[in-house]
Amino acid sequence: MHDVKALIAEEQRLRYEMATFRNAVICPLGQGFALVPITDSLTAELKLAASGVDADLVPEMALGLGSLALRISDGAAVAYISTEYFGGQGGQDAVAWSNGDVIFSPKSEGYGDVWPNSAISRALRAIGVVADQGRDEFDTLGLGRHRETHRWATAFSSM
């Protein structure tokens, strides 16, 4: 099983933007990036802070997350990633923003491509992640380390 929903951007920018969210957990990755797991408690906070209407980019994206990503993208490119795999079946979604614009989404050409050009790897590439030799961007950042959103949050909540 793999079920992760998260924002990924430069760690410094995420620390700054997420400081007002009591339930935000920053999970450092490589290359100066970090991941914020979109837990149920953070989703509740995002709904309370939501202003305006989010673009419906991917169906499972939490209300308020698109607006937050746009704000983060004013200072650093940011990606939303989502995986849902069970028993080898499932899929992934990803969106990337930079300078207040969507730069990668389900509407992008080749969105459904497979490894090494999967949606998540392409979104990560769009925000500046550089894949190690023989690996894709997903594996380079170690995104398989925790296979569920809440496990990312638990592993880094004391940091």
N, C-alpha and C. Protein backbone atom coordinates (compact mmCIF):
# COMPACT_ATOMS: atom_id res chain seq x y z
N MET A 1 0.84 -1.19 0.00
CA MET A 1 0.00 0.00 0.00
C MET A 1 0.88 1.25 0.00
N HIS A 2 0.47 2.24 -0.73
CA HIS A 2 1.14 3.54 -0.74
C HIS A 2 0.04 4.58 -0.86
N ASP A 3 -0.12 5.40 0.17
CA ASP A 3 -1.17 6.42 0.21
C ASP A 3 -0.60 7.68 0.86
N VAL A 4 -0.03 8.55 0.03
CA VAL A 4 0.61 9.76 0.54
C VAL A 4 0.04 10.98 -0.19
N LYS A 5 -0.30 11.99 0.60
CA LYS A 5 -0.71 13.28 0.07
C LYS A 5 0.16 14.33 0.76
N ALA A 6 0.84 15.17 -0.05
CA ALA A 6 1.80 16.09 0.54
C ALA A 6 2.11 17.26 -0.39
N LEU A 7 2.63 18.32 0.22
CA LEU A 7 3.24 19.43 -0.51
C LEU A 7 4.74 19.27 -0.41
N ILE A 8 5.45 19.60 -1.49
CA ILE A 8 6.90 19.56 -1.49
C ILE A 8 7.40 20.86 -2.09
N ALA A 9 8.35 21.48 -1.38
CA ALA A 9 8.97 22.73 -1.84
C ALA A 9 10.30 22.89 -1.10
N GLU A 10 10.99 23.99 -1.36
CA GLU A 10 12.21 24.29 -0.63
C GLU A 10 11.89 24.35 0.86
N GLU A 11 12.72 23.71 1.66
CA GLU A 11 12.44 23.60 3.10
C GLU A 11 12.26 24.96 3.76
N GLN A 12 13.12 25.91 3.47
CA GLN A 12 13.02 27.24 4.10
C GLN A 12 11.67 27.88 3.82
N ARG A 13 11.24 27.81 2.58
CA ARG A 13 9.97 28.42 2.20
C ARG A 13 8.80 27.74 2.91
N LEU A 14 8.83 26.41 2.99
CA LEU A 14 7.76 25.69 3.69
C LEU A 14 7.74 26.06 5.17
N ARG A 15 8.89 26.13 5.79
CA ARG A 15 8.94 26.49 7.22
C ARG A 15 8.31 27.86 7.44
N TYR A 16 8.59 28.81 6.56
CA TYR A 16 8.02 30.15 6.68
C TYR A 16 6.50 30.13 6.48
N GLU A 17 6.04 29.52 5.41
CA GLU A 17 4.61 29.54 5.07
C GLU A 17 3.76 28.69 6.01
N MET A 18 4.32 27.63 6.56
CA MET A 18 3.53 26.71 7.39
C MET A 18 3.59 27.08 8.87
N ALA A 19 4.32 28.11 9.23
CA ALA A 19 4.50 28.48 10.64
C ALA A 19 3.19 28.79 11.35
N THR A 20 2.19 29.25 10.63
CA THR A 20 0.92 29.60 11.27
C THR A 20 -0.03 28.40 11.41
N PHE A 21 0.34 27.26 10.86
CA PHE A 21 -0.50 26.07 10.95
C PHE A 21 -0.01 25.18 12.09
N ARG A 22 -0.82 25.05 13.11
CA ARG A 22 -0.47 24.28 14.31
C ARG A 22 -0.20 22.81 13.97
N ASN A 23 -0.88 22.27 12.97
CA ASN A 23 -0.78 20.85 12.66
C ASN A 23 0.13 20.54 11.47
N ALA A 24 0.91 21.52 11.04
CA ALA A 24 1.84 21.28 9.93
C ALA A 24 3.12 20.65 10.46
N VAL A 25 3.58 19.62 9.76
CA VAL A 25 4.83 18.95 10.08
C VAL A 25 5.75 19.10 8.87
N ILE A 26 6.96 19.56 9.11
CA ILE A 26 7.94 19.71 8.05
C ILE A 26 8.87 18.50 8.07
N CYS A 27 8.96 17.80 6.95
CA CYS A 27 9.77 16.59 6.83
C CYS A 27 10.91 16.86 5.84
N PRO A 28 12.12 17.11 6.34
CA PRO A 28 13.24 17.40 5.44
C PRO A 28 13.53 16.24 4.49
N LEU A 29 13.83 16.59 3.25
CA LEU A 29 14.21 15.63 2.21
C LEU A 29 15.60 16.04 1.73
N GLY A 30 16.05 15.51 0.65
CA GLY A 30 17.33 15.90 0.08
C GLY A 30 17.22 17.15 -0.78
N GLN A 31 18.37 17.64 -1.23
CA GLN A 31 18.48 18.75 -2.16
C GLN A 31 17.84 20.04 -1.66
N GLY A 32 17.67 20.19 -0.34
CA GLY A 32 17.10 21.40 0.22
C GLY A 32 15.58 21.44 0.20
N PHE A 33 14.96 20.34 -0.17
CA PHE A 33 13.50 20.27 -0.22
C PHE A 33 12.95 19.65 1.08
N ALA A 34 11.67 19.87 1.29
CA ALA A 34 10.97 19.27 2.42
C ALA A 34 9.55 18.92 1.99
N LEU A 35 8.93 18.07 2.76
CA LEU A 35 7.57 17.59 2.50
C LEU A 35 6.68 17.97 3.67
N VAL A 36 5.47 18.41 3.38
CA VAL A 36 4.45 18.64 4.41
C VAL A 36 3.33 17.64 4.16
N PRO A 37 3.17 16.64 5.06
CA PRO A 37 2.08 15.68 4.87
C PRO A 37 0.73 16.36 5.08
N ILE A 38 -0.21 16.08 4.19
CA ILE A 38 -1.55 16.66 4.30
C ILE A 38 -2.41 15.70 5.13
N THR A 39 -2.23 15.80 6.44
CA THR A 39 -2.95 14.96 7.39
C THR A 39 -4.38 15.45 7.56
N ASP A 40 -5.21 14.66 8.23
CA ASP A 40 -6.59 15.07 8.51
C ASP A 40 -6.61 16.36 9.34
N SER A 41 -5.73 16.46 10.33
CA SER A 41 -5.73 17.65 11.19
C SER A 41 -5.29 18.89 10.42
N LEU A 42 -4.32 18.75 9.52
CA LEU A 42 -3.92 19.90 8.70
C LEU A 42 -5.02 20.25 7.71
N THR A 43 -5.70 19.25 7.16
CA THR A 43 -6.81 19.50 6.25
C THR A 43 -7.89 20.33 6.93
N ALA A 44 -8.20 20.02 8.18
CA ALA A 44 -9.19 20.80 8.94
C ALA A 44 -8.74 22.25 9.09
N GLU A 45 -7.47 22.46 9.38
CA GLU A 45 -6.94 23.83 9.49
C GLU A 45 -7.00 24.56 8.16
N LEU A 46 -6.67 23.86 7.09
CA LEU A 46 -6.71 24.47 5.76
C LEU A 46 -8.12 24.93 5.41
N LYS A 47 -9.12 24.12 5.75
CA LYS A 47 -10.51 24.49 5.47
C LYS A 47 -10.89 25.76 6.20
N LEU A 48 -10.45 25.89 7.46
CA LEU A 48 -10.75 27.09 8.24
C LEU A 48 -10.07 28.33 7.65
N ALA A 49 -8.88 28.14 7.11
CA ALA A 49 -8.11 29.26 6.57
C ALA A 49 -8.42 29.55 5.10
N ALA A 50 -9.21 28.69 4.46
CA ALA A 50 -9.47 28.83 3.02
C ALA A 50 -10.14 30.16 2.71
N SER A 51 -9.62 30.79 1.66
CA SER A 51 -10.23 32.03 1.18
C SER A 51 -10.44 31.89 -0.31
N GLY A 52 -11.62 32.17 -0.76
CA GLY A 52 -11.92 32.02 -2.18
C GLY A 52 -12.16 30.57 -2.53
N VAL A 53 -12.20 30.30 -3.79
CA VAL A 53 -12.47 28.95 -4.28
C VAL A 53 -11.19 28.40 -4.91
N ASP A 54 -10.80 27.21 -4.50
CA ASP A 54 -9.64 26.55 -5.08
C ASP A 54 -9.99 26.01 -6.45
N ALA A 55 -9.01 26.02 -7.31
CA ALA A 55 -9.19 25.36 -8.61
C ALA A 55 -9.28 23.86 -8.37
N ASP A 56 -10.16 23.20 -9.07
CA ASP A 56 -10.32 21.75 -8.93
C ASP A 56 -9.30 21.07 -9.83
N LEU A 57 -8.06 21.00 -9.37
CA LEU A 57 -6.99 20.44 -10.18
C LEU A 57 -6.93 18.92 -10.10
N VAL A 58 -7.06 18.39 -8.91
CA VAL A 58 -7.16 16.95 -8.70
C VAL A 58 -8.24 16.73 -7.65
N PRO A 59 -9.07 15.72 -7.82
CA PRO A 59 -10.26 15.54 -6.99
C PRO A 59 -10.02 15.46 -5.49
N GLU A 60 -8.94 14.82 -5.06
CA GLU A 60 -8.76 14.61 -3.63
C GLU A 60 -8.02 15.75 -2.92
N MET A 61 -7.70 16.82 -3.62
CA MET A 61 -6.97 17.92 -3.01
C MET A 61 -7.85 18.64 -1.98
N ALA A 62 -7.31 18.83 -0.79
CA ALA A 62 -8.04 19.45 0.32
C ALA A 62 -8.40 20.90 -0.01
N LEU A 63 -9.59 21.32 0.44
CA LEU A 63 -10.01 22.70 0.29
C LEU A 63 -8.98 23.62 0.96
N GLY A 64 -8.56 24.65 0.27
CA GLY A 64 -7.58 25.59 0.80
C GLY A 64 -6.15 25.27 0.40
N LEU A 65 -5.90 24.04 -0.04
CA LEU A 65 -4.55 23.63 -0.39
C LEU A 65 -4.06 24.33 -1.65
N GLY A 66 -4.92 24.48 -2.63
CA GLY A 66 -4.53 25.18 -3.86
C GLY A 66 -4.17 26.63 -3.59
N SER A 67 -4.93 27.29 -2.75
CA SER A 67 -4.64 28.69 -2.40
C SER A 67 -3.31 28.79 -1.66
N LEU A 68 -3.07 27.86 -0.75
CA LEU A 68 -1.80 27.84 -0.02
C LEU A 68 -0.64 27.61 -0.98
N ALA A 69 -0.79 26.66 -1.90
CA ALA A 69 0.27 26.37 -2.86
C ALA A 69 0.57 27.59 -3.73
N LEU A 70 -0.47 28.30 -4.15
CA LEU A 70 -0.25 29.53 -4.93
C LEU A 70 0.56 30.54 -4.14
N ARG A 71 0.24 30.70 -2.86
CA ARG A 71 0.96 31.65 -2.01
C ARG A 71 2.43 31.22 -1.86
N ILE A 72 2.65 29.93 -1.60
CA ILE A 72 4.01 29.43 -1.47
C ILE A 72 4.79 29.66 -2.76
N SER A 73 4.12 29.48 -3.90
CA SER A 73 4.80 29.57 -5.20
C SER A 73 5.28 30.98 -5.54
N ASP A 74 4.82 31.97 -4.80
CA ASP A 74 5.33 33.33 -5.02
C ASP A 74 6.79 33.45 -4.61
N GLY A 75 7.25 32.55 -3.73
CA GLY A 75 8.65 32.60 -3.29
C GLY A 75 9.46 31.40 -3.69
N ALA A 76 8.80 30.30 -4.01
CA ALA A 76 9.50 29.07 -4.40
C ALA A 76 8.51 28.15 -5.09
N ALA A 77 8.98 27.42 -6.08
CA ALA A 77 8.11 26.46 -6.76
C ALA A 77 7.68 25.39 -5.76
N VAL A 78 6.46 24.89 -5.93
CA VAL A 78 5.89 23.92 -4.99
C VAL A 78 5.10 22.88 -5.77
N ALA A 79 5.09 21.65 -5.25
CA ALA A 79 4.33 20.57 -5.87
C ALA A 79 3.41 19.93 -4.85
N TYR A 80 2.24 19.54 -5.31
CA TYR A 80 1.33 18.69 -4.54
C TYR A 80 1.45 17.30 -5.15
N ILE A 81 1.64 16.29 -4.30
CA ILE A 81 1.70 14.93 -4.79
C ILE A 81 0.66 14.08 -4.07
N SER A 82 0.15 13.09 -4.78
CA SER A 82 -0.82 12.17 -4.21
C SER A 82 -0.60 10.79 -4.80
N THR A 83 -0.47 9.78 -3.93
CA THR A 83 -0.37 8.40 -4.39
C THR A 83 -1.47 7.59 -3.74
N GLU A 84 -1.99 6.65 -4.48
CA GLU A 84 -2.98 5.71 -3.95
C GLU A 84 -2.78 4.38 -4.65
N TYR A 85 -1.99 3.52 -4.02
CA TYR A 85 -1.71 2.19 -4.56
C TYR A 85 -2.03 1.14 -3.51
N PHE A 86 -2.64 0.06 -3.94
CA PHE A 86 -2.91 -1.08 -3.07
C PHE A 86 -2.80 -2.34 -3.91
N GLY A 87 -1.93 -3.24 -3.50
CA GLY A 87 -1.75 -4.48 -4.25
C GLY A 87 -1.31 -4.26 -5.68
N GLY A 88 -0.50 -3.22 -5.90
CA GLY A 88 0.00 -2.94 -7.24
C GLY A 88 -0.95 -2.16 -8.13
N GLN A 89 -2.17 -1.95 -7.68
CA GLN A 89 -3.15 -1.20 -8.46
C GLN A 89 -3.33 0.19 -7.85
N GLY A 90 -3.61 1.17 -8.68
CA GLY A 90 -3.87 2.52 -8.19
C GLY A 90 -3.31 3.55 -9.13
N GLY A 91 -2.92 4.68 -8.57
CA GLY A 91 -2.40 5.74 -9.41
C GLY A 91 -1.80 6.86 -8.60
N GLN A 92 -1.41 7.89 -9.30
CA GLN A 92 -0.82 9.06 -8.67
C GLN A 92 -1.27 10.32 -9.38
N ASP A 93 -1.25 11.40 -8.64
CA ASP A 93 -1.57 12.71 -9.19
C ASP A 93 -0.51 13.69 -8.71
N ALA A 94 -0.35 14.77 -9.45
CA ALA A 94 0.60 15.81 -9.07
C ALA A 94 0.25 17.11 -9.75
N VAL A 95 0.53 18.20 -9.06
CA VAL A 95 0.37 19.54 -9.60
C VAL A 95 1.58 20.33 -9.14
N ALA A 96 2.09 21.23 -9.97
CA ALA A 96 3.20 22.09 -9.58
C ALA A 96 2.86 23.54 -9.92
N TRP A 97 3.31 24.44 -9.05
CA TRP A 97 3.08 25.87 -9.22
C TRP A 97 4.42 26.60 -9.13
N SER A 98 4.53 27.70 -9.83
CA SER A 98 5.69 28.59 -9.72
C SER A 98 5.23 30.00 -10.06
N ASN A 99 5.66 30.95 -9.26
CA ASN A 99 5.32 32.36 -9.49
C ASN A 99 3.82 32.59 -9.66
N GLY A 100 3.01 31.88 -8.88
CA GLY A 100 1.57 32.08 -8.93
C GLY A 100 0.85 31.41 -10.07
N ASP A 101 1.55 30.59 -10.84
CA ASP A 101 0.94 29.91 -11.98
C ASP A 101 1.08 28.40 -11.85
N VAL A 102 0.11 27.67 -12.37
CA VAL A 102 0.22 26.21 -12.46
C VAL A 102 1.16 25.92 -13.61
N ILE A 103 2.23 25.15 -13.33
CA ILE A 103 3.20 24.83 -14.37
C ILE A 103 3.16 23.36 -14.77
N PHE A 104 2.44 22.54 -14.00
CA PHE A 104 2.25 21.13 -14.34
C PHE A 104 0.97 20.67 -13.67
N SER A 105 0.12 19.95 -14.41
CA SER A 105 -1.16 19.49 -13.86
C SER A 105 -1.67 18.33 -14.70
N PRO A 106 -2.82 17.75 -14.31
CA PRO A 106 -3.41 16.69 -15.13
C PRO A 106 -3.72 17.13 -16.56
N LYS A 107 -3.73 18.42 -16.82
CA LYS A 107 -3.99 18.92 -18.17
C LYS A 107 -2.71 18.99 -19.01
N SER A 108 -1.56 18.74 -18.40
CA SER A 108 -0.29 18.81 -19.12
C SER A 108 -0.12 17.62 -20.06
N GLU A 109 0.50 17.88 -21.19
CA GLU A 109 0.75 16.81 -22.17
C GLU A 109 1.62 15.73 -21.53
N GLY A 110 1.28 14.47 -21.76
CA GLY A 110 2.05 13.36 -21.24
C GLY A 110 1.86 13.10 -19.76
N TYR A 111 0.81 13.67 -19.19
CA TYR A 111 0.58 13.55 -17.73
C TYR A 111 0.55 12.09 -17.28
N GLY A 112 0.01 11.18 -18.05
CA GLY A 112 -0.13 9.78 -17.66
C GLY A 112 1.07 8.91 -17.98
N ASP A 113 2.19 9.51 -18.34
CA ASP A 113 3.38 8.73 -18.67
C ASP A 113 3.84 7.89 -17.47
N VAL A 114 4.65 6.88 -17.76
CA VAL A 114 5.15 5.99 -16.72
C VAL A 114 6.62 6.28 -16.43
N TRP A 115 7.18 5.54 -15.48
CA TRP A 115 8.56 5.74 -15.05
C TRP A 115 9.49 5.82 -16.25
N PRO A 116 10.40 6.73 -16.25
CA PRO A 116 10.78 7.69 -15.21
C PRO A 116 10.08 9.04 -15.36
N ASN A 117 9.04 9.09 -16.17
CA ASN A 117 8.32 10.35 -16.42
C ASN A 117 6.91 10.34 -15.84
N SER A 118 6.74 9.71 -14.68
CA SER A 118 5.43 9.69 -14.03
C SER A 118 5.03 11.11 -13.62
N ALA A 119 3.77 11.27 -13.32
CA ALA A 119 3.26 12.60 -12.94
C ALA A 119 4.03 13.20 -11.78
N ILE A 120 4.28 12.41 -10.74
CA ILE A 120 5.00 12.95 -9.58
C ILE A 120 6.43 13.32 -9.95
N SER A 121 7.11 12.46 -10.67
CA SER A 121 8.49 12.79 -11.05
C SER A 121 8.54 14.04 -11.93
N ARG A 122 7.60 14.19 -12.82
CA ARG A 122 7.58 15.39 -13.67
C ARG A 122 7.28 16.65 -12.87
N ALA A 123 6.38 16.55 -11.89
CA ALA A 123 6.09 17.71 -11.04
C ALA A 123 7.32 18.07 -10.20
N LEU A 124 7.98 17.06 -9.67
CA LEU A 124 9.20 17.31 -8.88
C LEU A 124 10.29 17.93 -9.75
N ARG A 125 10.43 17.44 -10.95
CA ARG A 125 11.39 17.99 -11.90
C ARG A 125 11.06 19.47 -12.17
N ALA A 126 9.78 19.77 -12.30
CA ALA A 126 9.35 21.14 -12.59
C ALA A 126 9.69 22.11 -11.46
N ILE A 127 9.79 21.60 -10.22
CA ILE A 127 10.12 22.50 -9.10
C ILE A 127 11.62 22.49 -8.78
N GLY A 128 12.41 21.74 -9.56
CA GLY A 128 13.86 21.81 -9.41
C GLY A 128 14.55 20.60 -8.84
N VAL A 129 13.83 19.52 -8.57
CA VAL A 129 14.47 18.30 -8.08
C VAL A 129 15.25 17.67 -9.24
N VAL A 130 16.48 17.25 -8.96
CA VAL A 130 17.33 16.62 -9.96
C VAL A 130 17.51 15.15 -9.58
N ALA A 131 17.12 14.27 -10.49
CA ALA A 131 17.20 12.83 -10.22
C ALA A 131 18.65 12.36 -10.19
N ASP A 132 18.92 11.44 -9.24
CA ASP A 132 20.21 10.77 -9.21
C ASP A 132 20.30 9.81 -10.39
N GLN A 133 21.50 9.47 -10.79
CA GLN A 133 21.72 8.53 -11.89
C GLN A 133 20.97 7.22 -11.65
N GLY A 134 20.16 6.80 -12.62
CA GLY A 134 19.44 5.54 -12.54
C GLY A 134 18.21 5.55 -11.65
N ARG A 135 17.84 6.71 -11.14
CA ARG A 135 16.66 6.83 -10.28
C ARG A 135 15.77 7.94 -10.83
N ASP A 136 14.51 7.95 -10.41
CA ASP A 136 13.67 9.08 -10.75
C ASP A 136 13.66 10.06 -9.57
N GLU A 137 12.98 11.18 -9.75
CA GLU A 137 12.94 12.22 -8.72
C GLU A 137 12.27 11.72 -7.44
N PHE A 138 11.24 10.90 -7.57
CA PHE A 138 10.53 10.31 -6.44
C PHE A 138 11.50 9.54 -5.55
N ASP A 139 12.27 8.65 -6.15
CA ASP A 139 13.23 7.84 -5.39
C ASP A 139 14.41 8.66 -4.90
N THR A 140 14.84 9.64 -5.68
CA THR A 140 15.95 10.49 -5.27
C THR A 140 15.63 11.20 -3.96
N LEU A 141 14.39 11.67 -3.79
CA LEU A 141 14.01 12.35 -2.55
C LEU A 141 13.62 11.38 -1.44
N GLY A 142 13.57 10.10 -1.74
CA GLY A 142 13.23 9.11 -0.71
C GLY A 142 11.75 9.09 -0.36
N LEU A 143 10.89 9.36 -1.34
CA LEU A 143 9.46 9.45 -1.04
C LEU A 143 8.81 8.10 -0.76
N GLY A 144 9.53 7.01 -0.98
CA GLY A 144 9.01 5.70 -0.62
C GLY A 144 9.34 5.31 0.82
N ARG A 145 10.06 6.17 1.52
CA ARG A 145 10.49 5.89 2.90
C ARG A 145 9.31 5.63 3.83
N HIS A 146 8.26 6.40 3.70
CA HIS A 146 7.03 6.22 4.48
C HIS A 146 5.90 6.09 3.48
N ARG A 147 5.12 5.05 3.59
CA ARG A 147 4.13 4.72 2.57
C ARG A 147 2.74 5.28 2.85
N GLU A 148 2.59 6.01 3.96
CA GLU A 148 1.30 6.61 4.30
C GLU A 148 1.52 8.02 4.85
N THR A 149 0.59 8.91 4.55
CA THR A 149 0.69 10.30 4.97
C THR A 149 0.94 10.42 6.47
N HIS A 150 0.14 9.72 7.27
CA HIS A 150 0.28 9.86 8.73
C HIS A 150 1.62 9.34 9.23
N ARG A 151 2.22 8.41 8.52
CA ARG A 151 3.54 7.91 8.93
C ARG A 151 4.64 8.97 8.71
N TRP A 152 4.51 9.76 7.65
CA TRP A 152 5.43 10.88 7.46
C TRP A 152 5.30 11.84 8.63
N ALA A 153 4.07 12.19 8.97
CA ALA A 153 3.84 13.15 10.05
C ALA A 153 4.37 12.63 11.38
N THR A 154 4.10 11.37 11.68
CA THR A 154 4.56 10.78 12.94
C THR A 154 6.08 10.73 13.02
N ALA A 155 6.73 10.38 11.93
CA ALA A 155 8.18 10.25 11.93
C ALA A 155 8.89 11.58 12.17
N PHE A 156 8.26 12.69 11.80
CA PHE A 156 8.93 13.99 11.91
C PHE A 156 8.25 14.94 12.89
N SER A 157 7.21 14.52 13.57
CA SER A 157 6.46 15.44 14.43
C SER A 157 7.25 15.92 15.64
N SER A 158 8.26 15.21 16.07
CA SER A 158 9.04 15.64 17.23
C SER A 158 10.21 16.53 16.83
N MET A 159 10.39 16.77 15.55
CA MET A 159 11.54 17.59 15.10
C MET A 159 11.22 19.06 15.17
